[in-house]
Amino acid sequence: MNAAPPRPSPAASPSTLPRGAIACLALAAFGSGLSMRVNDALLPRLAGEFALTLGQASQVIGLFATAYGLAQLFFGPVGDRYGKYRVIAWATAACAFTSVLCGLAPGFDALRLARVLAGATAAAVIPLSMAWIGDVVDYERRQPVLARFLIGQICGLSAGVWLGGFAADHLGWRAPYFLLAGFFALVSVALFALNRRLPDGARPVRAASDGSPLRRIATEFGGVLARPWARVVLGLVFLEGLFLFGPFAFIASHVHEAFQLSLSAAGALVMLFGLGGFAFAVSSGPLVRRLGEVGLARWGSLMMCGALVAVGFGPGWGWALAGCFVAGLGFYMVHNTLQVNATQMAPDRRGAAVAAFASCFFLGQSAGVALGGWLVGVIGPPGFLAFGAVGLLLIGRAFVAGLALRSRAAAAVAV
């Protein structure tokens, strides 16, 4: 492993930023998370509406994640070139438009296409926000700041599952998309206003290099992939997305079918995943100091593994209640540690680096949902949840080993 690269001084500090700059990014992340998970509890309703199997209906989740992941190849370099905050504002406005398209879709094919566009437009929000925070907050203070920013995404992921379930029972499947459109439109107005007030140091841009756009993109991502630790982080986050969010997409359906809960109740139960993430966010400072990166990775992976087993094989819905909370806490312990490493694995190409990280994460989710669409029909939801549990345990062990090796290498260089 390479030793940790030099840590450049940030271009600005949070104290010099206009009030609400990070909070508004958190609101955009809330909308992105809401859009990402709104279909989870809607799957049984969509399957009935369009005469599909549950696996076929899950395409609206997998296609969103695929588009989200691939679009990072575009947005990372664009954010570096034109300014991350500015690109986030434009992308949020585009999210409002694509949400309307989802709500107006006349059939399942049109809905799938609209979800592809929604995933592509939402792709800029969270990764570029993380990269921008990496630009303005020094490494030593970055993990708690990122954790607080991610409260928006955490709440969005949870609220999305609940909103989908509530709409399935009471409003119809189109209503959530129109609510999302209105929310994105309001946030985009605030982001444009804040972008004009940012100090120059918080609006870094990268001059265009010579060559075609494709060559420049290849150069940016090639510079990231040339670093061994970056390849490790990207591989781990791909597998994390596959083994956690593949099974996660079927939790609401499993609880609905296994315990005869309404889709609203099943969606509300899965919201506890976000509550676990929120618990991590508000206690991230003490947890980081007490456990360090290695401890967070080790205990977080163990918690996710046990939680998925509890959700899949618990004899009552109360096990899923506790399992979703523990899974959320464990996930953010591991994922936030991966995120912090992602913001520093290529500081000179931070936008491209974080975009590659997000791309791998959501391509992993897409692969997991696609795999689940087949495996759930073969081994059932409990078996697929157990499959994810074993994979997450192995990922945690690999991450711990990599962090320990990297720490020893950095110590040797310091000596």
Protein backbone atom coordinates (compact mmCIF):
# COMPACT_ATOMS: atom_id res chain seq x y z
CA MET A 1 0.00 0.00 0.00
CA ASN A 2 1.17 3.53 -0.67
CA ALA A 3 1.72 5.76 2.33
CA ALA A 4 -0.91 8.42 2.87
CA PRO A 5 -0.42 11.28 0.40
CA PRO A 6 0.32 14.82 1.53
CA ARG A 7 -2.74 16.66 2.78
CA PRO A 8 -3.14 20.01 1.10
CA SER A 9 -4.57 22.90 3.01
CA PRO A 10 -8.23 23.53 2.20
CA ALA A 11 -9.16 26.47 0.03
CA ALA A 12 -11.65 27.73 2.56
CA SER A 13 -12.91 26.86 6.01
CA PRO A 14 -16.48 26.27 7.23
CA SER A 15 -16.34 29.50 9.23
CA THR A 16 -15.92 31.53 6.01
CA LEU A 17 -18.85 29.89 4.21
CA PRO A 18 -22.30 31.49 4.04
CA ARG A 19 -24.77 30.18 6.60
CA GLY A 20 -26.63 27.18 5.27
CA ALA A 21 -24.11 26.18 2.59
CA ILE A 22 -23.60 22.67 3.96
CA ALA A 23 -27.16 22.36 5.28
CA CYS A 24 -28.53 23.04 1.81
CA LEU A 25 -26.32 20.31 0.38
CA ALA A 26 -27.75 18.01 3.05
CA LEU A 27 -31.27 18.88 1.84
CA ALA A 28 -30.28 18.03 -1.74
CA ALA A 29 -28.85 14.75 -0.42
CA PHE A 30 -32.18 14.14 1.34
CA GLY A 31 -33.97 14.44 -1.99
CA SER A 32 -31.44 12.17 -3.69
CA GLY A 33 -31.84 9.53 -0.99
CA LEU A 34 -35.63 9.83 -1.14
CA SER A 35 -35.60 9.28 -4.90
CA MET A 36 -33.22 6.35 -4.52
CA ARG A 37 -35.36 4.29 -2.14
CA VAL A 38 -38.92 5.44 -2.87
CA ASN A 39 -39.60 2.35 -4.98
CA ASP A 40 -38.56 -0.26 -2.39
CA ALA A 41 -41.95 -0.48 -0.66
CA LEU A 42 -43.75 0.32 -3.94
CA LEU A 43 -42.55 -2.92 -5.59
CA PRO A 44 -45.60 -5.06 -4.70
CA ARG A 45 -47.93 -2.28 -5.88
CA LEU A 46 -46.01 -1.78 -9.13
CA ALA A 47 -45.98 -5.54 -9.72
CA GLY A 48 -49.78 -5.62 -9.35
CA GLU A 49 -50.34 -2.46 -11.38
CA PHE A 50 -48.34 -3.66 -14.39
CA ALA A 51 -48.85 -7.47 -14.01
CA LEU A 52 -45.17 -8.16 -13.24
CA THR A 53 -43.20 -10.38 -10.90
CA LEU A 54 -41.44 -8.78 -7.95
CA GLY A 55 -38.10 -9.34 -9.70
CA GLN A 56 -39.31 -7.59 -12.86
CA ALA A 57 -40.70 -4.67 -10.89
CA SER A 58 -37.33 -4.27 -9.13
CA GLN A 59 -35.87 -3.05 -12.44
CA VAL A 60 -36.97 0.47 -11.49
CA ILE A 61 -34.47 0.26 -8.59
CA GLY A 62 -31.67 -1.46 -10.49
CA LEU A 63 -31.86 0.85 -13.52
CA PHE A 64 -31.80 3.95 -11.31
CA ALA A 65 -28.69 2.65 -9.54
CA THR A 66 -26.98 1.74 -12.82
CA ALA A 67 -27.59 5.17 -14.32
CA TYR A 68 -26.51 6.81 -11.05
CA GLY A 69 -23.27 4.88 -11.07
CA LEU A 70 -22.38 5.40 -14.73
CA ALA A 71 -23.20 9.12 -14.64
CA GLN A 72 -20.36 9.62 -12.14
CA LEU A 73 -17.95 9.20 -15.05
CA PHE A 74 -19.39 12.45 -16.37
CA PHE A 75 -20.12 14.50 -13.27
CA GLY A 76 -16.81 14.02 -11.45
CA PRO A 77 -14.66 15.77 -14.08
CA VAL A 78 -17.44 18.29 -14.84
CA GLY A 79 -17.57 19.29 -11.17
CA ASP A 80 -13.80 19.77 -11.11
CA ARG A 81 -13.94 21.81 -14.32
CA TYR A 82 -16.92 24.13 -13.68
CA GLY A 83 -17.26 24.19 -9.90
CA LYS A 84 -18.85 21.49 -7.76
CA TYR A 85 -21.45 23.60 -5.97
CA ARG A 86 -22.66 25.12 -9.23
CA VAL A 87 -23.01 21.70 -10.91
CA ILE A 88 -24.93 20.36 -7.88
CA ALA A 89 -27.42 23.25 -8.22
CA TRP A 90 -28.03 22.50 -11.90
CA ALA A 91 -28.33 18.77 -11.24
CA THR A 92 -30.91 19.37 -8.49
CA ALA A 93 -33.01 21.42 -10.91
CA ALA A 94 -32.76 18.57 -13.43
CA CYS A 95 -33.92 16.13 -10.71
CA ALA A 96 -37.17 18.11 -10.43
CA PHE A 97 -37.79 17.62 -14.16
CA THR A 98 -37.00 13.89 -14.20
CA SER A 99 -39.21 13.32 -11.15
CA VAL A 100 -42.13 14.83 -13.07
CA LEU A 101 -41.37 12.44 -15.95
CA CYS A 102 -41.59 9.49 -13.53
CA GLY A 103 -44.93 10.68 -12.22
CA LEU A 104 -46.35 11.13 -15.74
CA ALA A 105 -45.11 7.77 -17.10
CA PRO A 106 -47.99 6.11 -19.02
CA GLY A 107 -46.64 2.56 -18.60
CA PHE A 108 -43.87 0.46 -17.10
CA ASP A 109 -41.47 0.90 -20.03
CA ALA A 110 -41.82 4.68 -19.77
CA LEU A 111 -41.34 4.49 -16.00
CA ARG A 112 -38.13 2.49 -16.44
CA LEU A 113 -36.77 5.07 -18.87
CA ALA A 114 -37.73 7.94 -16.58
CA ARG A 115 -36.00 6.19 -13.67
CA VAL A 116 -32.83 5.94 -15.75
CA LEU A 117 -32.95 9.70 -16.31
CA ALA A 118 -33.72 10.29 -12.62
CA GLY A 119 -30.70 8.23 -11.59
CA ALA A 120 -28.44 10.09 -13.99
CA THR A 121 -29.51 13.53 -12.75
CA ALA A 122 -29.35 12.57 -9.06
CA ALA A 123 -25.83 11.25 -9.56
CA ALA A 124 -24.14 14.63 -9.09
CA VAL A 125 -25.62 15.53 -5.72
CA ILE A 126 -24.01 13.39 -3.02
CA PRO A 127 -20.59 12.61 -4.57
CA LEU A 128 -19.88 16.22 -5.58
CA SER A 129 -21.11 17.44 -2.19
CA MET A 130 -18.63 15.10 -0.52
CA ALA A 131 -15.85 16.24 -2.83
CA TRP A 132 -16.68 19.90 -2.16
CA ILE A 133 -16.56 19.28 1.60
CA GLY A 134 -13.18 17.66 1.00
CA ASP A 135 -12.08 20.90 -0.68
CA VAL A 136 -13.08 23.17 2.20
CA VAL A 137 -12.58 21.03 5.35
CA ASP A 138 -9.18 19.69 6.39
CA TYR A 139 -8.72 15.93 6.76
CA GLU A 140 -8.56 15.87 10.56
CA ARG A 141 -12.04 17.45 10.89
CA ARG A 142 -13.59 15.95 7.78
CA GLN A 143 -15.16 12.71 9.07
CA PRO A 144 -17.57 14.35 11.57
CA VAL A 145 -18.49 17.06 9.02
CA LEU A 146 -19.21 14.41 6.38
CA ALA A 147 -21.25 12.47 8.93
CA ARG A 148 -23.39 15.53 9.69
CA PHE A 149 -23.87 16.23 5.98
CA LEU A 150 -24.93 12.65 5.45
CA ILE A 151 -27.80 13.06 7.91
CA GLY A 152 -29.66 14.42 4.88
CA GLN A 153 -29.01 11.31 2.83
CA ILE A 154 -29.73 9.03 5.79
CA CYS A 155 -33.10 10.65 6.44
CA GLY A 156 -33.88 10.61 2.72
CA LEU A 157 -33.18 6.90 2.39
CA SER A 158 -35.46 6.15 5.33
CA ALA A 159 -38.21 8.56 4.34
CA GLY A 160 -38.13 7.21 0.79
CA VAL A 161 -39.04 3.69 1.90
CA TRP A 162 -41.81 5.04 4.16
CA LEU A 163 -43.17 7.39 1.49
CA GLY A 164 -43.28 4.58 -1.05
CA GLY A 165 -45.19 2.35 1.35
CA PHE A 166 -47.61 5.11 2.39
CA ALA A 167 -48.26 6.03 -1.22
CA ALA A 168 -48.80 2.38 -2.15
CA ASP A 169 -51.53 2.09 0.50
CA HIS A 170 -53.16 5.53 0.28
CA LEU A 171 -52.00 7.80 -2.58
CA GLY A 172 -51.12 5.74 -5.63
CA TRP A 173 -47.68 5.11 -7.08
CA ARG A 174 -47.44 8.43 -8.98
CA ALA A 175 -47.82 10.79 -6.01
CA PRO A 176 -44.30 10.40 -4.54
CA TYR A 177 -42.70 11.55 -7.77
CA PHE A 178 -44.65 14.81 -7.88
CA LEU A 179 -43.77 15.49 -4.24
CA LEU A 180 -40.12 14.88 -5.08
CA ALA A 181 -40.30 17.28 -8.03
CA GLY A 182 -41.57 20.12 -5.86
CA PHE A 183 -38.93 19.47 -3.21
CA PHE A 184 -36.05 19.39 -5.72
CA ALA A 185 -37.27 22.62 -7.33
CA LEU A 186 -37.20 24.50 -4.01
CA VAL A 187 -33.75 23.18 -3.05
CA SER A 188 -32.28 24.08 -6.43
CA VAL A 189 -33.35 27.71 -5.99
CA ALA A 190 -31.59 27.84 -2.62
CA LEU A 191 -28.43 26.23 -4.03
CA PHE A 192 -28.17 28.75 -6.87
CA ALA A 193 -28.55 31.59 -4.39
CA LEU A 194 -25.86 30.18 -2.08
CA ASN A 195 -23.46 29.50 -4.94
CA ARG A 196 -23.38 33.22 -5.75
CA ARG A 197 -22.38 33.97 -2.13
CA LEU A 198 -19.55 31.46 -1.81
CA PRO A 199 -16.04 32.90 -1.34
CA ASP A 200 -13.68 32.35 -4.26
CA GLY A 201 -11.73 29.75 -2.29
CA ALA A 202 -14.85 27.58 -2.01
CA ARG A 203 -15.46 27.60 -5.76
CA PRO A 204 -12.31 25.94 -7.13
CA VAL A 205 -12.30 25.08 -10.82
CA ARG A 206 -9.79 23.11 -12.83
CA ALA A 207 -8.58 24.47 -16.16
CA ALA A 208 -9.43 22.29 -19.15
CA SER A 209 -6.53 20.14 -20.31
CA ASP A 210 -5.60 19.50 -23.90
CA GLY A 211 -7.24 16.72 -25.89
CA SER A 212 -10.77 15.50 -26.48
CA PRO A 213 -13.32 15.35 -23.63
CA LEU A 214 -13.11 11.55 -23.58
CA ARG A 215 -9.32 11.69 -23.32
CA ARG A 216 -9.56 14.18 -20.45
CA ILE A 217 -12.05 11.97 -18.61
CA ALA A 218 -9.82 8.94 -19.15
CA THR A 219 -6.85 10.90 -17.82
CA GLU A 220 -8.75 11.96 -14.69
CA PHE A 221 -9.98 8.50 -13.78
CA GLY A 222 -6.74 6.86 -14.89
CA GLY A 223 -4.91 9.07 -12.41
CA VAL A 224 -7.19 7.76 -9.65
CA LEU A 225 -6.95 4.10 -10.63
CA ALA A 226 -3.16 4.28 -10.82
CA ARG A 227 -3.08 4.39 -6.99
CA PRO A 228 -3.22 0.97 -5.27
CA TRP A 229 -5.19 2.14 -2.22
CA ALA A 230 -7.78 3.75 -4.51
CA ARG A 231 -8.30 0.42 -6.25
CA VAL A 232 -8.81 -1.30 -2.90
CA VAL A 233 -11.36 1.29 -1.70
CA LEU A 234 -13.27 1.18 -4.99
CA GLY A 235 -13.44 -2.61 -4.99
CA LEU A 236 -14.65 -2.72 -1.40
CA VAL A 237 -17.39 -0.14 -1.89
CA PHE A 238 -18.66 -1.98 -5.00
CA LEU A 239 -19.01 -5.18 -2.96
CA GLU A 240 -20.56 -3.26 -0.06
CA GLY A 241 -23.28 -1.95 -2.37
CA LEU A 242 -23.89 -5.44 -3.78
CA PHE A 243 -24.06 -7.36 -0.50
CA LEU A 244 -26.03 -4.79 1.52
CA PHE A 245 -28.33 -2.88 -0.80
CA GLY A 246 -29.14 -5.84 -3.02
CA PRO A 247 -30.83 -7.61 -0.07
CA PHE A 248 -32.00 -4.30 1.42
CA ALA A 249 -34.25 -3.62 -1.58
CA PHE A 250 -36.32 -6.70 -0.70
CA ILE A 251 -36.67 -6.18 3.07
CA ALA A 252 -39.97 -4.29 2.90
CA SER A 253 -41.47 -6.91 0.58
CA HIS A 254 -40.20 -9.73 2.80
CA VAL A 255 -41.68 -8.22 5.97
CA HIS A 256 -44.96 -7.48 4.15
CA GLU A 257 -45.31 -11.07 2.95
CA ALA A 258 -43.86 -12.92 5.97
CA PHE A 259 -45.71 -11.05 8.74
CA GLN A 260 -48.74 -9.64 6.87
CA LEU A 261 -47.80 -6.05 7.68
CA SER A 262 -49.19 -3.32 5.44
CA LEU A 263 -46.76 -1.75 3.01
CA SER A 264 -46.97 1.47 5.03
CA ALA A 265 -45.97 -0.38 8.20
CA ALA A 266 -43.23 -2.31 6.40
CA GLY A 267 -41.84 0.93 5.00
CA ALA A 268 -41.95 2.58 8.42
CA LEU A 269 -40.10 -0.39 9.91
CA VAL A 270 -37.31 -0.12 7.33
CA MET A 271 -37.01 3.58 8.24
CA LEU A 272 -35.16 2.40 11.35
CA PHE A 273 -32.16 1.77 9.09
CA GLY A 274 -31.94 5.54 8.78
CA LEU A 275 -32.38 5.98 12.51
CA GLY A 276 -29.32 3.79 13.00
CA GLY A 277 -27.43 5.98 10.55
CA PHE A 278 -28.62 9.08 12.36
CA ALA A 279 -27.34 7.60 15.64
CA PHE A 280 -23.93 7.25 14.05
CA ALA A 281 -24.00 10.76 12.62
CA VAL A 282 -24.73 12.46 15.93
CA SER A 283 -22.17 10.36 17.82
CA SER A 284 -19.53 10.19 15.08
CA GLY A 285 -16.99 12.34 16.92
CA PRO A 286 -16.74 10.15 20.05
CA LEU A 287 -16.98 6.94 17.98
CA VAL A 288 -14.16 7.98 15.66
CA ARG A 289 -11.95 8.93 18.59
CA ARG A 290 -12.70 5.76 20.55
CA LEU A 291 -12.69 3.13 17.80
CA GLY A 292 -10.60 4.67 15.03
CA GLU A 293 -10.97 3.60 11.41
CA VAL A 294 -10.08 -0.04 12.08
CA GLY A 295 -12.56 -0.39 14.94
CA LEU A 296 -15.36 1.23 12.95
CA ALA A 297 -14.77 -1.13 10.04
CA ARG A 298 -14.53 -4.23 12.23
CA TRP A 299 -17.58 -3.64 14.43
CA GLY A 300 -19.69 -2.11 11.67
CA SER A 301 -19.32 -5.16 9.42
CA LEU A 302 -20.16 -7.54 12.28
CA MET A 303 -23.28 -5.52 13.07
CA MET A 304 -24.48 -5.55 9.45
CA CYS A 305 -23.94 -9.29 9.21
CA GLY A 306 -25.91 -10.05 12.36
CA ALA A 307 -28.66 -7.61 11.42
CA LEU A 308 -29.36 -9.17 8.01
CA VAL A 309 -29.55 -12.63 9.59
CA ALA A 310 -32.01 -11.30 12.20
CA VAL A 311 -34.21 -9.67 9.54
CA GLY A 312 -34.20 -12.77 7.34
CA PHE A 313 -34.73 -15.48 9.96
CA GLY A 314 -36.30 -13.75 12.98
CA PRO A 315 -39.60 -15.37 14.03
CA GLY A 316 -41.45 -12.06 14.29
CA TRP A 317 -41.39 -8.58 12.82
CA GLY A 318 -39.76 -7.26 16.00
CA TRP A 319 -36.52 -8.90 14.91
CA ALA A 320 -36.65 -6.90 11.70
CA LEU A 321 -37.30 -3.78 13.77
CA ALA A 322 -34.06 -4.21 15.70
CA GLY A 323 -32.20 -5.56 12.67
CA CYS A 324 -32.90 -2.53 10.50
CA PHE A 325 -31.63 -0.16 13.21
CA VAL A 326 -28.45 -2.16 13.80
CA ALA A 327 -27.86 -2.53 10.05
CA GLY A 328 -28.07 1.25 9.61
CA LEU A 329 -25.65 1.93 12.45
CA GLY A 330 -23.19 -0.70 11.20
CA PHE A 331 -23.44 0.44 7.61
CA TYR A 332 -22.59 4.06 8.34
CA MET A 333 -19.71 3.03 10.60
CA VAL A 334 -18.14 1.20 7.66
CA HIS A 335 -19.32 3.40 4.80
CA ASN A 336 -18.35 6.70 6.40
CA THR A 337 -14.84 5.31 6.94
CA LEU A 338 -14.70 4.30 3.29
CA GLN A 339 -15.95 7.77 2.29
CA VAL A 340 -13.26 9.57 4.25
CA ASN A 341 -10.62 7.42 2.57
CA ALA A 342 -12.23 8.17 -0.80
CA THR A 343 -11.95 11.94 -0.29
CA GLN A 344 -8.21 11.58 0.29
CA MET A 345 -7.17 8.78 -2.06
CA ALA A 346 -6.42 11.26 -4.88
CA PRO A 347 -6.50 14.86 -3.52
CA ASP A 348 -5.38 16.35 -6.83
CA ARG A 349 -8.36 14.72 -8.57
CA ARG A 350 -10.86 14.73 -5.71
CA GLY A 351 -13.95 15.23 -7.87
CA ALA A 352 -13.04 12.30 -10.11
CA ALA A 353 -11.98 10.18 -7.12
CA VAL A 354 -15.23 10.63 -5.20
CA ALA A 355 -17.21 10.20 -8.42
CA ALA A 356 -15.43 6.88 -9.05
CA PHE A 357 -16.23 5.88 -5.47
CA ALA A 358 -19.93 6.66 -5.90
CA SER A 359 -19.99 5.00 -9.30
CA CYS A 360 -18.64 1.75 -7.88
CA PHE A 361 -21.03 1.92 -4.92
CA PHE A 362 -24.14 2.31 -7.03
CA LEU A 363 -23.05 -0.10 -9.74
CA GLY A 364 -22.62 -2.56 -6.88
CA GLN A 365 -26.17 -1.80 -5.72
CA SER A 366 -27.47 -2.32 -9.24
CA ALA A 367 -25.65 -5.65 -9.50
CA GLY A 368 -27.05 -6.65 -6.10
CA VAL A 369 -30.64 -5.82 -7.03
CA ALA A 370 -30.29 -7.64 -10.37
CA LEU A 371 -28.84 -10.65 -8.59
CA GLY A 372 -31.64 -10.48 -6.04
CA GLY A 373 -34.29 -10.41 -8.76
CA TRP A 374 -33.07 -13.89 -9.69
CA LEU A 375 -31.94 -15.32 -6.33
CA VAL A 376 -35.08 -14.34 -4.41
CA GLY A 377 -37.06 -16.61 -6.70
CA VAL A 378 -34.60 -19.46 -6.11
CA ILE A 379 -33.65 -19.29 -2.41
CA GLY A 380 -36.25 -16.82 -1.12
CA PRO A 381 -35.72 -13.46 0.62
CA PRO A 382 -34.26 -15.01 3.85
CA GLY A 383 -31.64 -16.90 1.85
CA PHE A 384 -30.69 -13.77 -0.08
CA LEU A 385 -30.35 -11.82 3.17
CA ALA A 386 -28.05 -14.55 4.53
CA PHE A 387 -25.99 -14.36 1.33
CA GLY A 388 -25.56 -10.62 1.89
CA ALA A 389 -24.62 -11.16 5.55
CA VAL A 390 -21.73 -13.49 4.68
CA GLY A 391 -20.47 -11.12 2.00
CA LEU A 392 -20.50 -8.12 4.36
CA LEU A 393 -18.55 -10.05 6.98
CA LEU A 394 -15.83 -10.86 4.45
CA ILE A 395 -15.72 -7.26 3.22
CA GLY A 396 -15.23 -6.02 6.78
CA ARG A 397 -12.31 -8.37 7.34
CA ALA A 398 -10.67 -7.29 4.08
CA PHE A 399 -11.10 -3.59 4.91
CA VAL A 400 -9.64 -4.02 8.39
CA ALA A 401 -6.63 -5.82 6.93
CA GLY A 402 -6.11 -3.09 4.34
CA LEU A 403 -6.35 -0.27 6.89
CA ALA A 404 -3.88 -2.00 9.21
CA LEU A 405 -1.39 -2.57 6.38
CA ARG A 406 -1.72 1.03 5.20
CA SER A 407 -1.20 2.32 8.74
CA ARG A 408 1.99 0.27 9.11
CA ALA A 409 3.27 1.52 5.76
CA ALA A 410 2.63 5.14 6.74
CA ALA A 411 4.39 4.61 10.08
CA ALA A 412 7.42 3.11 8.32
CA VAL A 413 7.66 6.11 5.99
CA ALA A 414 7.42 8.50 8.96
CA VAL A 415 10.31 6.73 10.68
